[in-house]
PDB file of N, CA and C in Angstrom:
ATOM      1  N   UNK A   1     -14.192  18.252 -34.766  1.00  0.00           N
ATOM      2  CA  UNK A   1     -14.828  18.833 -33.592  1.00  0.00           C
ATOM      3  C   UNK A   1     -15.092  17.954 -32.497  1.00  0.00           C
ATOM      4  N   UNK A   2     -15.308  16.581 -32.784  1.00  0.00           N
ATOM      5  CA  UNK A   2     -15.509  15.732 -31.649  1.00  0.00           C
ATOM      6  C   UNK A   2     -14.273  15.469 -30.996  1.00  0.00           C
ATOM      7  N   UNK A   3     -13.037  15.425 -31.632  1.00  0.00           N
ATOM      8  CA  UNK A   3     -11.833  15.157 -30.991  1.00  0.00           C
ATOM      9  C   UNK A   3     -11.455  16.416 -30.044  1.00  0.00           C
ATOM     10  N   UNK A   4     -11.816  17.618 -30.468  1.00  0.00           N
ATOM     11  CA  UNK A   4     -11.556  18.802 -29.545  1.00  0.00           C
ATOM     12  C   UNK A   4     -12.388  18.644 -28.244  1.00  0.00           C
ATOM     13  N   UNK A   5     -13.728  18.221 -28.483  1.00  0.00           N
ATOM     14  CA  UNK A   5     -14.624  18.136 -27.336  1.00  0.00           C
ATOM     15  C   UNK A   5     -14.052  17.045 -26.347  1.00  0.00           C
ATOM     16  N   UNK A   6     -13.704  16.094 -26.997  1.00  0.00           N
ATOM     17  CA  UNK A   6     -13.024  14.770 -26.178  1.00  0.00           C
ATOM     18  C   UNK A   6     -11.887  15.297 -25.282  1.00  0.00           C
ATOM     19  N   UNK A   7     -10.956  16.093 -26.195  1.00  0.00           N
ATOM     20  CA  UNK A   7      -9.741  16.502 -25.500  1.00  0.00           C
ATOM     21  C   UNK A   7     -10.063  17.534 -24.330  1.00  0.00           C
ATOM     22  N   UNK A   8     -10.757  18.357 -24.687  1.00  0.00           N
ATOM     23  CA  UNK A   8     -11.285  19.435 -23.475  1.00  0.00           C
ATOM     24  C   UNK A   8     -12.031  18.810 -22.266  1.00  0.00           C
ATOM     25  N   UNK A   9     -12.792  17.696 -22.581  1.00  0.00           N
ATOM     26  CA  UNK A   9     -13.398  17.084 -21.419  1.00  0.00           C
ATOM     27  C   UNK A   9     -12.405  16.150 -20.710  1.00  0.00           C
ATOM     28  N   UNK A  10     -11.274  15.526 -21.295  1.00  0.00           N
ATOM     29  CA  UNK A  10     -10.259  14.931 -20.651  1.00  0.00           C
ATOM     30  C   UNK A  10      -9.497  15.940 -19.866  1.00  0.00           C
ATOM     31  N   UNK A  11      -9.272  17.033 -20.476  1.00  0.00           N
ATOM     32  CA  UNK A  11      -8.356  18.065 -19.745  1.00  0.00           C
ATOM     33  C   UNK A  11      -9.203  18.472 -18.595  1.00  0.00           C
ATOM     34  N   UNK A  12     -10.383  18.865 -18.708  1.00  0.00           N
ATOM     35  CA  UNK A  12     -11.116  19.239 -17.393  1.00  0.00           C
ATOM     36  C   UNK A  12     -11.253  18.306 -16.309  1.00  0.00           C
ATOM     37  N   UNK A  13     -11.394  17.012 -16.694  1.00  0.00           N
ATOM     38  CA  UNK A  13     -11.277  15.914 -15.661  1.00  0.00           C
ATOM     39  C   UNK A  13     -10.021  15.695 -14.963  1.00  0.00           C
ATOM     40  N   UNK A  14      -8.898  15.978 -15.778  1.00  0.00           N
ATOM     41  CA  UNK A  14      -7.529  15.920 -15.190  1.00  0.00           C
ATOM     42  C   UNK A  14      -7.295  17.050 -14.152  1.00  0.00           C
ATOM     43  N   UNK A  15      -7.766  18.292 -14.612  1.00  0.00           N
ATOM     44  CA  UNK A  15      -7.769  19.372 -13.562  1.00  0.00           C
ATOM     45  C   UNK A  15      -8.635  19.167 -12.477  1.00  0.00           C
ATOM     46  N   UNK A  16      -9.650  18.565 -12.470  1.00  0.00           N
ATOM     47  CA  UNK A  16     -10.510  18.404 -11.279  1.00  0.00           C
ATOM     48  C   UNK A  16      -9.876  17.375 -10.421  1.00  0.00           C
ATOM     49  N   UNK A  17      -9.267  16.315 -11.004  1.00  0.00           N
ATOM     50  CA  UNK A  17      -8.660  15.282 -10.142  1.00  0.00           C
ATOM     51  C   UNK A  17      -7.533  15.826  -9.450  1.00  0.00           C
ATOM     52  N   UNK A  18      -6.757  16.742 -10.261  1.00  0.00           N
ATOM     53  CA  UNK A  18      -5.505  17.375  -9.599  1.00  0.00           C
ATOM     54  C   UNK A  18      -5.934  18.213  -8.400  1.00  0.00           C
ATOM     55  N   UNK A  19      -7.022  18.989  -8.643  1.00  0.00           N
ATOM     56  CA  UNK A  19      -7.456  19.942  -7.632  1.00  0.00           C
ATOM     57  C   UNK A  19      -7.996  19.127  -6.313  1.00  0.00           C
ATOM     58  N   UNK A  20      -8.651  17.931  -6.608  1.00  0.00           N
ATOM     59  CA  UNK A  20      -9.098  17.150  -5.480  1.00  0.00           C
ATOM     60  C   UNK A  20      -7.999  16.613  -4.673  1.00  0.00           C
ATOM     61  N   UNK A  21      -6.895  16.194  -5.424  1.00  0.00           N
ATOM     62  CA  UNK A  21      -5.535  15.765  -4.881  1.00  0.00           C
ATOM     63  C   UNK A  21      -4.962  16.850  -3.959  1.00  0.00           C
ATOM     64  N   UNK A  22      -4.809  18.053  -4.520  1.00  0.00           N
ATOM     65  CA  UNK A  22      -4.171  19.042  -3.788  1.00  0.00           C
ATOM     66  C   UNK A  22      -5.074  19.481  -2.612  1.00  0.00           C
ATOM     67  N   UNK A  23      -6.343  19.592  -2.620  1.00  0.00           N
ATOM     68  CA  UNK A  23      -7.196  19.867  -1.645  1.00  0.00           C
ATOM     69  C   UNK A  23      -6.901  18.646  -0.407  1.00  0.00           C
ATOM     70  N   UNK A  24      -6.910  17.530  -0.919  1.00  0.00           N
ATOM     71  CA  UNK A  24      -6.692  16.456   0.010  1.00  0.00           C
ATOM     72  C   UNK A  24      -5.452  16.555   0.754  1.00  0.00           C
ATOM     73  N   UNK A  25      -4.408  16.799   0.031  1.00  0.00           N
ATOM     74  CA  UNK A  25      -3.119  16.979   0.577  1.00  0.00           C
ATOM     75  C   UNK A  25      -2.990  18.112   1.685  1.00  0.00           C
ATOM     76  N   UNK A  26      -3.697  19.214   1.380  1.00  0.00           N
ATOM     77  CA  UNK A  26      -3.639  20.356   2.238  1.00  0.00           C
ATOM     78  C   UNK A  26      -4.485  19.928   3.524  1.00  0.00           C
ATOM     79  N   UNK A  27      -5.490  19.315   3.397  1.00  0.00           N
ATOM     80  CA  UNK A  27      -6.294  18.812   4.412  1.00  0.00           C
ATOM     81  C   UNK A  27      -5.356  17.938   5.482  1.00  0.00           C
ATOM     82  N   UNK A  28      -4.658  17.033   4.943  1.00  0.00           N
ATOM     83  CA  UNK A  28      -3.856  16.121   5.676  1.00  0.00           C
ATOM     84  C   UNK A  28      -2.773  16.983   6.422  1.00  0.00           C
ATOM     85  N   UNK A  29      -2.200  17.960   5.728  1.00  0.00           N
ATOM     86  CA  UNK A  29      -1.200  18.866   6.289  1.00  0.00           C
ATOM     87  C   UNK A  29      -1.692  19.671   7.397  1.00  0.00           C
ATOM     88  N   UNK A  30      -2.882  20.210   7.173  1.00  0.00           N
ATOM     89  CA  UNK A  30      -3.512  21.036   8.439  1.00  0.00           C
ATOM     90  C   UNK A  30      -3.775  20.269   9.612  1.00  0.00           C
ATOM     91  N   UNK A  31      -4.393  19.008   9.369  1.00  0.00           N
ATOM     92  CA  UNK A  31      -4.622  18.121  10.517  1.00  0.00           C
ATOM     93  C   UNK A  31      -3.277  17.819  11.149  1.00  0.00           C
ATOM     94  N   UNK A  32      -2.312  17.337  10.344  1.00  0.00           N
ATOM     95  CA  UNK A  32      -0.988  17.107  11.035  1.00  0.00           C
ATOM     96  C   UNK A  32      -0.161  18.152  11.724  1.00  0.00           C
ATOM     97  N   UNK A  33      -0.441  19.465  11.179  1.00  0.00           N
ATOM     98  CA  UNK A  33       0.260  20.562  11.930  1.00  0.00           C
ATOM     99  C   UNK A  33      -0.392  20.662  13.261  1.00  0.00           C
ATOM    100  N   UNK A  34      -1.794  20.475  13.452  1.00  0.00           N
ATOM    101  CA  UNK A  34      -2.379  20.453  14.796  1.00  0.00           C
ATOM    102  C   UNK A  34      -1.844  19.472  15.585  1.00  0.00           C
ATOM    103  N   UNK A  35      -1.874  18.238  15.034  1.00  0.00           N
ATOM    104  CA  UNK A  35      -1.325  16.980  15.837  1.00  0.00           C
ATOM    105  C   UNK A  35       0.011  17.126  16.287  1.00  0.00           C
ATOM    106  N   UNK A  36       0.965  17.768  15.471  1.00  0.00           N
ATOM    107  CA  UNK A  36       2.338  17.775  15.691  1.00  0.00           C
ATOM    108  C   UNK A  36       2.832  19.276  16.267  1.00  0.00           C
ATOM    109  N   UNK A  37       1.733  19.909  16.820  1.00  0.00           N
ATOM    110  CA  UNK A  37       2.020  21.283  17.212  1.00  0.00           C
ATOM    111  C   UNK A  37       3.307  21.339  18.231  1.00  0.00           C
ATOM    112  N   UNK A  38       3.258  20.572  19.315  1.00  0.00           N
ATOM    113  CA  UNK A  38       4.450  20.545  20.272  1.00  0.00           C
ATOM    114  C   UNK A  38       5.692  20.305  19.516  1.00  0.00           C
ATOM    115  N   UNK A  39       5.710  19.566  18.583  1.00  0.00           N
ATOM    116  CA  UNK A  39       7.097  19.115  17.871  1.00  0.00           C
ATOM    117  C   UNK A  39       7.610  20.455  17.125  1.00  0.00           C
ATOM    118  N   UNK A  40       6.561  20.995  16.510  1.00  0.00           N
ATOM    119  CA  UNK A  40       6.852  22.170  15.496  1.00  0.00           C
ATOM    120  C   UNK A  40       7.289  23.374  16.213  1.00  0.00           C
ATOM    121  N   UNK A  41       6.665  23.593  17.460  1.00  0.00           N
ATOM    122  CA  UNK A  41       6.992  24.704  18.321  1.00  0.00           C
ATOM    123  C   UNK A  41       8.597  24.817  18.694  1.00  0.00           C
ATOM    124  N   UNK A  42       9.256  23.775  18.691  1.00  0.00           N
ATOM    125  CA  UNK A  42      10.758  23.836  18.991  1.00  0.00           C
ATOM    126  C   UNK A  42      11.565  24.456  17.808  1.00  0.00           C
ATOM    127  N   UNK A  43      11.019  24.634  16.673  1.00  0.00           N
ATOM    128  CA  UNK A  43      11.696  25.052  15.511  1.00  0.00           C
ATOM    129  C   UNK A  43      11.318  26.466  14.902  1.00  0.00           C
ATOM    130  N   UNK A  44      11.044  27.237  16.105  1.00  0.00           N
ATOM    131  CA  UNK A  44      10.692  28.782  15.605  1.00  0.00           C
ATOM    132  C   UNK A  44      12.038  29.343  14.949  1.00  0.00           C
ATOM    133  N   UNK A  45      11.702  30.178  13.959  1.00  0.00           N
ATOM    134  CA  UNK A  45      12.874  30.696  13.146  1.00  0.00           C
ATOM    135  C   UNK A  45      13.558  29.842  12.104  1.00  0.00           C
ATOM    136  N   UNK A  46      12.890  28.580  11.896  1.00  0.00           N
ATOM    137  CA  UNK A  46      13.189  27.656  10.815  1.00  0.00           C
ATOM    138  C   UNK A  46      12.056  27.887   9.771  1.00  0.00           C
ATOM    139  N   UNK A  47      12.380  27.394   8.582  1.00  0.00           N
ATOM    140  CA  UNK A  47      11.425  27.226   7.551  1.00  0.00           C
ATOM    141  C   UNK A  47      10.921  25.817   7.587  1.00  0.00           C
ATOM    142  N   UNK A  48       9.689  25.526   7.882  1.00  0.00           N
ATOM    143  CA  UNK A  48       9.006  24.219   7.990  1.00  0.00           C
ATOM    144  C   UNK A  48       8.363  24.035   6.779  1.00  0.00           C
ATOM    145  N   UNK A  49       8.762  22.811   6.054  1.00  0.00           N
ATOM    146  CA  UNK A  49       7.968  22.287   4.870  1.00  0.00           C
ATOM    147  C   UNK A  49       7.451  21.001   5.316  1.00  0.00           C
ATOM    148  N   UNK A  50       6.163  20.654   4.571  1.00  0.00           N
ATOM    149  CA  UNK A  50       5.558  19.572   4.809  1.00  0.00           C
ATOM    150  C   UNK A  50       5.342  18.771   3.493  1.00  0.00           C
ATOM    151  N   UNK A  51       5.298  17.419   3.431  1.00  0.00           N
ATOM    152  CA  UNK A  51       5.179  16.524   2.453  1.00  0.00           C
ATOM    153  C   UNK A  51       4.123  15.345   2.721  1.00  0.00           C
ATOM    154  N   UNK A  52       3.287  15.000   1.770  1.00  0.00           N
ATOM    155  CA  UNK A  52       2.312  14.013   2.141  1.00  0.00           C
ATOM    156  C   UNK A  52       2.648  12.889   1.185  1.00  0.00           C
ATOM    157  N   UNK A  53       2.640  11.552   1.753  1.00  0.00           N
ATOM    158  CA  UNK A  53       2.963  10.419   1.057  1.00  0.00           C
ATOM    159  C   UNK A  53       1.674   9.545   1.286  1.00  0.00           C
ATOM    160  N   UNK A  54       1.345   8.711   0.292  1.00  0.00           N
ATOM    161  CA  UNK A  54       0.372   7.548   0.431  1.00  0.00           C
ATOM    162  C   UNK A  54       1.055   6.354   0.687  1.00  0.00           C
ATOM    163  N   UNK A  55       0.981   5.826   1.923  1.00  0.00           N
ATOM    164  CA  UNK A  55       1.747   4.728   2.226  1.00  0.00           C
ATOM    165  C   UNK A  55       1.163   3.233   2.019  1.00  0.00           C
ATOM    166  N   UNK A  56      -0.179   3.303   1.873  1.00  0.00           N
ATOM    167  CA  UNK A  56      -0.791   1.848   1.667  1.00  0.00           C
ATOM    168  C   UNK A  56      -2.263   2.159   1.236  1.00  0.00           C
ATOM    169  N   UNK A  57      -2.816   1.136   0.659  1.00  0.00           N
ATOM    170  CA  UNK A  57      -4.285   1.272   0.207  1.00  0.00           C
ATOM    171  C   UNK A  57      -5.027   0.334   1.361  1.00  0.00           C
ATOM    172  N   UNK A  58      -6.094   0.911   1.815  1.00  0.00           N
ATOM    173  CA  UNK A  58      -6.961   0.366   2.731  1.00  0.00           C
ATOM    174  C   UNK A  58      -7.864  -0.905   1.999  1.00  0.00           C
ATOM    175  N   UNK A  59      -8.234  -1.875   2.824  1.00  0.00           N
ATOM    176  CA  UNK A  59      -9.029  -2.837   2.252  1.00  0.00           C
ATOM    177  C   UNK A  59     -10.436  -2.474   1.842  1.00  0.00           C
ATOM    178  N   UNK A  60     -11.175  -1.655   2.606  1.00  0.00           N
ATOM    179  CA  UNK A  60     -12.542  -1.284   2.270  1.00  0.00           C
ATOM    180  C   UNK A  60     -12.451  -0.056   1.244  1.00  0.00           C
ATOM    181  N   UNK A  61     -11.878   1.008   1.874  1.00  0.00           N
ATOM    182  CA  UNK A  61     -11.784   2.184   0.880  1.00  0.00           C
ATOM    183  C   UNK A  61     -10.787   3.161   1.454  1.00  0.00           C
ATOM    184  N   UNK A  62     -10.224   4.100   0.702  1.00  0.00           N
ATOM    185  CA  UNK A  62      -9.301   5.005   1.185  1.00  0.00           C
ATOM    186  C   UNK A  62      -7.901   4.510   1.040  1.00  0.00           C
ATOM    187  N   UNK A  63      -6.931   5.272   1.795  1.00  0.00           N
ATOM    188  CA  UNK A  63      -5.655   4.717   1.835  1.00  0.00           C
ATOM    189  C   UNK A  63      -4.983   5.464   3.094  1.00  0.00           C
ATOM    190  N   UNK A  64      -3.853   4.794   3.595  1.00  0.00           N
ATOM    191  CA  UNK A  64      -3.173   5.257   4.647  1.00  0.00           C
ATOM    192  C   UNK A  64      -2.199   6.528   4.167  1.00  0.00           C
ATOM    193  N   UNK A  65      -2.002   7.535   4.888  1.00  0.00           N
ATOM    194  CA  UNK A  65      -1.159   8.582   4.545  1.00  0.00           C
ATOM    195  C   UNK A  65      -0.111   8.887   5.689  1.00  0.00           C
ATOM    196  N   UNK A  66       0.998   9.533   5.259  1.00  0.00           N
ATOM    197  CA  UNK A  66       1.931   9.953   6.145  1.00  0.00           C
ATOM    198  C   UNK A  66       2.347  11.475   5.804  1.00  0.00           C
ATOM    199  N   UNK A  67       2.435  12.250   6.612  1.00  0.00           N
ATOM    200  CA  UNK A  67       2.872  13.653   6.591  1.00  0.00           C
ATOM    201  C   UNK A  67       4.167  13.858   7.216  1.00  0.00           C
ATOM    202  N   UNK A  68       5.257  14.337   6.584  1.00  0.00           N
ATOM    203  CA  UNK A  68       6.535  14.557   7.172  1.00  0.00           C
ATOM    204  C   UNK A  68       6.903  16.014   7.136  1.00  0.00           C
ATOM    205  N   UNK A  69       7.189  16.487   8.324  1.00  0.00           N
ATOM    206  CA  UNK A  69       7.642  17.840   8.411  1.00  0.00           C
ATOM    207  C   UNK A  69       9.231  18.018   8.580  1.00  0.00           C
ATOM    208  N   UNK A  70       9.875  18.890   7.710  1.00  0.00           N
ATOM    209  CA  UNK A  70      11.231  19.044   7.886  1.00  0.00           C
ATOM    210  C   UNK A  70      11.487  20.603   8.100  1.00  0.00           C
ATOM    211  N   UNK A  71      12.539  20.968   8.672  1.00  0.00           N
ATOM    212  CA  UNK A  71      13.085  22.217   9.050  1.00  0.00           C
ATOM    213  C   UNK A  71      14.347  22.575   8.323  1.00  0.00           C
ATOM    214  N   UNK A  72      14.447  23.702   7.805  1.00  0.00           N
ATOM    215  CA  UNK A  72      15.790  24.196   7.216  1.00  0.00           C
ATOM    216  C   UNK A  72      15.906  25.532   7.757  1.00  0.00           C
ATOM    217  N   UNK A  73      17.168  26.017   8.035  1.00  0.00           N
ATOM    218  CA  UNK A  73      17.440  27.264   8.564  1.00  0.00           C
ATOM    219  C   UNK A  73      16.690  28.561   7.615  1.00  0.00           C
ATOM    220  N   UNK A  74      16.174  29.358   8.178  1.00  0.00           N
ATOM    221  CA  UNK A  74      15.530  30.556   7.488  1.00  0.00           C
ATOM    222  C   UNK A  74      16.519  31.685   7.448  1.00  0.00           C
ATOM    223  N   UNK A  75      17.522  31.541   6.518  1.00  0.00           N
ATOM    224  CA  UNK A  75      18.536  32.502   6.472  1.00  0.00           C
ATOM    225  C   UNK A  75      18.285  33.754   5.568  1.00  0.00           C
ATOM    226  N   UNK A  76      19.034  34.769   6.022  1.00  0.00           N
ATOM    227  CA  UNK A  76      18.838  36.272   5.255  1.00  0.00           C
ATOM    228  C   UNK A  76      19.507  35.960   3.954  1.00  0.00           C
ATOM    229  N   UNK A  77      18.999  36.951   2.944  1.00  0.00           N
ATOM    230  CA  UNK A  77      19.535  36.983   1.692  1.00  0.00           C
ATOM    231  C   UNK A  77      21.090  37.331   1.701  1.00  0.00           C
ATOM    232  N   UNK A  78      21.963  36.745   0.842  1.00  0.00           N
ATOM    233  CA  UNK A  78      23.327  37.205   0.623  1.00  0.00           C
ATOM    234  C   UNK A  78      24.216  36.742   2.030  1.00  0.00           C
ATOM    235  N   UNK A  79      23.645  35.835   2.819  1.00  0.00           N
ATOM    236  CA  UNK A  79      24.400  35.329   3.965  1.00  0.00           C
ATOM    237  C   UNK A  79      24.629  33.953   3.805  1.00  0.00           C
ATOM    238  N   UNK A  80      25.700  33.451   4.161  1.00  0.00           N
ATOM    239  CA  UNK A  80      26.152  32.099   4.218  1.00  0.00           C
ATOM    240  C   UNK A  80      25.071  31.276   5.009  1.00  0.00           C
ATOM    241  N   UNK A  81      24.571  30.172   4.381  1.00  0.00           N
ATOM    242  CA  UNK A  81      23.574  29.401   5.129  1.00  0.00           C
ATOM    243  C   UNK A  81      23.811  27.849   4.912  1.00  0.00           C
ATOM    244  N   UNK A  82      23.759  27.140   6.017  1.00  0.00           N
ATOM    245  CA  UNK A  82      24.003  25.722   5.917  1.00  0.00           C
ATOM    246  C   UNK A  82      22.896  25.102   5.108  1.00  0.00           C
ATOM    247  N   UNK A  83      23.063  24.110   4.232  1.00  0.00           N
ATOM    248  CA  UNK A  83      22.187  23.401   3.535  1.00  0.00           C
ATOM    249  C   UNK A  83      21.857  22.083   4.305  1.00  0.00           C
ATOM    250  N   UNK A  84      21.121  22.163   5.365  1.00  0.00           N
ATOM    251  CA  UNK A  84      20.619  21.172   6.137  1.00  0.00           C
ATOM    252  C   UNK A  84      19.225  21.093   6.375  1.00  0.00           C
ATOM    253  N   UNK A  85      18.622  19.818   6.192  1.00  0.00           N
ATOM    254  CA  UNK A  85      17.247  19.564   6.569  1.00  0.00           C
ATOM    255  C   UNK A  85      17.039  18.807   7.789  1.00  0.00           C
ATOM    256  N   UNK A  86      16.285  19.025   8.692  1.00  0.00           N
ATOM    257  CA  UNK A  86      16.107  18.416   9.918  1.00  0.00           C
ATOM    258  C   UNK A  86      14.591  17.777   9.963  1.00  0.00           C
ATOM    259  N   UNK A  87      14.665  16.390  10.148  1.00  0.00           N
ATOM    260  CA  UNK A  87      13.384  15.882  10.334  1.00  0.00           C
ATOM    261  C   UNK A  87      12.766  16.270  11.656  1.00  0.00           C
ATOM    262  N   UNK A  88      11.627  16.894  11.599  1.00  0.00           N
ATOM    263  CA  UNK A  88      10.981  17.475  12.668  1.00  0.00           C
ATOM    264  C   UNK A  88       9.829  16.584  13.313  1.00  0.00           C
ATOM    265  N   UNK A  89       8.918  16.201  12.395  1.00  0.00           N
ATOM    266  CA  UNK A  89       7.899  15.299  12.881  1.00  0.00           C
ATOM    267  C   UNK A  89       7.501  14.563  11.701  1.00  0.00           C
ATOM    268  N   UNK A  90       6.896  13.336  11.970  1.00  0.00           N
ATOM    269  CA  UNK A  90       6.094  12.482  11.081  1.00  0.00           C
ATOM    270  C   UNK A  90       4.749  12.128  11.613  1.00  0.00           C
ATOM    271  N   UNK A  91       3.712  12.333  10.964  1.00  0.00           N
ATOM    272  CA  UNK A  91       2.236  11.936  11.506  1.00  0.00           C
ATOM    273  C   UNK A  91       1.697  10.976  10.446  1.00  0.00           C
ATOM    274  N   UNK A  92       1.253   9.922  11.091  1.00  0.00           N
ATOM    275  CA  UNK A  92       0.670   8.797  10.494  1.00  0.00           C
ATOM    276  C   UNK A  92      -0.964   8.904  10.497  1.00  0.00           C
ATOM    277  N   UNK A  93      -1.697   8.692   9.361  1.00  0.00           N
ATOM    278  CA  UNK A  93      -3.004   8.617   9.379  1.00  0.00           C
ATOM    279  C   UNK A  93      -3.615   7.369   9.006  1.00  0.00           C
ATOM    280  N   UNK A  94      -4.811   7.106   9.608  1.00  0.00           N
ATOM    281  CA  UNK A  94      -5.548   5.807   9.310  1.00  0.00           C
ATOM    282  C   UNK A  94      -6.396   5.935   8.199  1.00  0.00           C
ATOM    283  N   UNK A  95      -7.032   4.912   7.843  1.00  0.00           N
ATOM    284  CA  UNK A  95      -7.921   4.821   6.681  1.00  0.00           C
ATOM    285  C   UNK A  95      -9.093   5.683   6.741  1.00  0.00           C
ATOM    286  N   UNK A  96      -9.407   6.359   7.791  1.00  0.00           N
ATOM    287  CA  UNK A  96     -10.577   7.307   7.740  1.00  0.00           C
ATOM    288  C   UNK A  96      -9.990   8.751   7.848  1.00  0.00           C
ATOM    289  N   UNK A  97      -8.692   8.819   7.590  1.00  0.00           N
ATOM    290  CA  UNK A  97      -7.986  10.220   7.491  1.00  0.00           C
ATOM    291  C   UNK A  97      -7.777  10.883   8.912  1.00  0.00           C
ATOM    292  N   UNK A  98      -7.819  10.083   9.984  1.00  0.00           N
ATOM    293  CA  UNK A  98      -7.537  10.583  11.265  1.00  0.00           C
ATOM    294  C   UNK A  98      -6.020  10.262  11.735  1.00  0.00           C
ATOM    295  N   UNK A  99      -5.289  11.335  12.260  1.00  0.00           N
ATOM    296  CA  UNK A  99      -3.944  10.996  12.780  1.00  0.00           C
ATOM    297  C   UNK A  99      -4.045  10.087  13.886  1.00  0.00           C
ATOM    298  N   UNK A 100      -3.121   9.239  13.941  1.00  0.00           N
ATOM    299  CA  UNK A 100      -2.974   8.223  14.982  1.00  0.00           C
ATOM    300  C   UNK A 100      -1.742   8.105  15.560  1.00  0.00           C
ATOM    301  N   UNK A 101      -0.631   8.449  14.961  1.00  0.00           N
ATOM    302  CA  UNK A 101       0.706   8.159  15.328  1.00  0.00           C
ATOM    303  C   UNK A 101       1.576   9.326  15.123  1.00  0.00           C
ATOM    304  N   UNK A 102       2.307   9.910  16.150  1.00  0.00           N
ATOM    305  CA  UNK A 102       3.215  11.031  15.908  1.00  0.00           C
ATOM    306  C   UNK A 102       4.628  10.718  16.346  1.00  0.00           C
ATOM    307  N   UNK A 103       5.626  11.087  15.516  1.00  0.00           N
ATOM    308  CA  UNK A 103       7.053  10.794  15.923  1.00  0.00           C
ATOM    309  C   UNK A 103       7.557  12.210  15.765  1.00  0.00           C
ATOM    310  N   UNK A 104       8.181  12.741  16.862  1.00  0.00           N
ATOM    311  CA  UNK A 104       8.919  14.069  16.981  1.00  0.00           C
ATOM    312  C   UNK A 104      10.384  13.628  16.616  1.00  0.00           C
ATOM    313  N   UNK A 105      10.960  14.355  15.660  1.00  0.00           N
ATOM    314  CA  UNK A 105      12.361  14.132  15.455  1.00  0.00           C
ATOM    315  C   UNK A 105      12.799  12.794  14.978  1.00  0.00           C
ATOM    316  N   UNK A 106      11.715  11.987  14.642  1.00  0.00           N
ATOM    317  CA  UNK A 106      12.009  10.479  14.469  1.00  0.00           C
ATOM    318  C   UNK A 106      11.725   9.467  15.481  1.00  0.00           C
ATOM    319  N   UNK A 107      11.458   9.973  16.505  1.00  0.00           N
ATOM    320  CA  UNK A 107      11.195   9.197  17.741  1.00  0.00           C
ATOM    321  C   UNK A 107       9.595   9.264  18.135  1.00  0.00           C
ATOM    322  N   UNK A 108       9.049   8.099  18.262  1.00  0.00           N
ATOM    323  CA  UNK A 108       7.655   8.056  18.677  1.00  0.00           C
ATOM    324  C   UNK A 108       7.234   8.565  19.862  1.00  0.00           C
ATOM    325  N   UNK A 109       6.141   9.407  20.069  1.00  0.00           N
ATOM    326  CA  UNK A 109       5.721  10.142  21.292  1.00  0.00           C
ATOM    327  C   UNK A 109       4.547   9.099  21.808  1.00  0.00           C
ATOM    328  N   UNK A 110       4.407   9.197  23.062  1.00  0.00           N
ATOM    329  CA  UNK A 110       3.287   8.549  23.747  1.00  0.00           C
ATOM    330  C   UNK A 110       2.093   9.262  23.781  1.00  0.00           C
TER     331      UNK A 110
END
């Protein structure tokens, strides 16, 4: 019985950690979408996907993150469609979770 309790406790902890990570990634993606709005507007009619990477660990606490947006053609079913992914935007976040650098299509913006 003790082993079952330990196993269930460990499983609950893992689920909580996974949910916190997913929530955190969604938060970064939401902030990045707002920050990269002008870059993303040029790709209406494309399927935009986002990915979050942890790029470094901060000295005091937290970590640096990068959100990358890519676009693929949003093709109709049963129609030939090119398998191409286009780098649309990259947003860099500081240790406090604030966006500070935007690159549209791989080029830094002022």
